[in-house]
Protein backbone atom coordinates (compact mmCIF):
# COMPACT_ATOMS: atom_id res chain seq x y z
CA MET A 1 -0.01 -0.01 -0.02
CA PHE A 2 2.91 2.37 0.76
CA CYS A 3 4.31 1.97 -2.80
CA ILE A 4 0.86 2.85 -4.25
CA ARG A 5 0.64 5.90 -1.97
CA ILE A 6 4.08 7.04 -3.13
CA PHE A 7 3.13 6.32 -6.81
CA PHE A 8 -0.01 8.56 -6.70
CA SER A 9 1.31 11.29 -4.45
CA SER A 10 2.25 14.47 -6.16
CA ALA A 11 5.72 15.93 -6.02
CA PRO A 12 7.22 19.20 -7.31
CA SER A 13 7.40 19.18 -11.07
CA ALA A 14 10.92 20.68 -11.09
CA ILE A 15 12.18 17.28 -9.83
CA TYR A 16 10.76 15.61 -12.92
CA ASP A 17 11.25 18.21 -15.55
CA ALA A 18 15.12 17.58 -15.72
CA ASN A 19 14.67 13.87 -16.34
CA PRO A 20 12.80 12.55 -19.43
CA GLY A 21 12.25 9.15 -17.70
CA TRP A 22 10.31 10.86 -15.04
CA LYS A 23 8.25 12.67 -17.61
CA ALA A 24 7.20 9.27 -18.99
CA PHE A 25 6.56 8.07 -15.46
CA MET A 26 4.37 10.99 -14.69
CA GLU A 27 2.45 10.45 -17.90
CA LEU A 28 1.85 6.90 -16.90
CA ARG A 29 0.73 8.01 -13.46
CA ARG A 30 -1.64 10.46 -15.06
CA GLN A 31 -3.11 7.73 -17.22
CA ALA A 32 -3.48 5.31 -14.41
CA LEU A 33 -5.30 7.91 -12.21
CA HIS A 34 -7.61 8.73 -15.18
CA ASN A 35 -8.33 5.02 -15.70
CA MET A 36 -9.12 4.45 -12.04
CA GLN A 37 -11.48 7.45 -11.96
CA GLN A 38 -13.18 6.21 -15.06
CA LEU A 39 -13.65 2.69 -13.68
CA SER A 40 -15.06 4.20 -10.45
CA ALA A 41 -17.56 6.32 -12.45
CA ASP A 42 -18.48 3.26 -14.58
CA ALA A 43 -19.18 1.28 -11.43
CA GLU A 44 -21.35 4.02 -10.01
CA LYS A 45 -23.34 4.19 -13.19
CA ALA A 46 -23.82 0.39 -13.20
CA GLY A 47 -24.81 0.34 -9.50
CA SER A 48 -22.01 -1.99 -8.59
CA ALA A 49 -19.82 0.49 -6.65
CA GLY A 50 -21.14 -0.53 -3.29
CA MET A 51 -20.81 -4.29 -3.74
CA THR A 52 -19.35 -6.29 -0.92
CA LEU A 53 -16.59 -8.83 -1.55
CA ASP A 54 -19.13 -11.68 -1.12
CA GLU A 55 -21.44 -10.14 -3.76
CA ILE A 56 -18.60 -9.76 -6.11
CA ASN A 57 -17.55 -13.38 -5.59
CA ALA A 58 -21.12 -14.50 -6.08
CA GLU A 59 -21.22 -12.60 -9.51
CA ILE A 60 -18.07 -14.20 -10.61
CA ALA A 61 -19.21 -17.71 -9.59
CA ALA A 62 -22.51 -17.15 -11.47
CA ALA A 63 -20.72 -15.95 -14.55
CA ARG A 64 -18.41 -18.96 -14.48
CA SER A 65 -21.24 -21.38 -14.10
CA GLY A 66 -23.12 -19.86 -16.96
CA LYS A 67 -26.05 -18.56 -14.88
């Protein structure tokens, strides 16, 4: 969890501007955040954002069994 927190935390852009590798990393970070926000919005629209782990597992089991 700590690594994820570091990955998604913001840092001064001056640190990254001097290093092209960091620019690519920050773009990847931006895309990852956007994708997570989109998935969250899609789950809200579908009404599945508040599902418990047991409900999710039941959905997976039903899909695997063909029901």
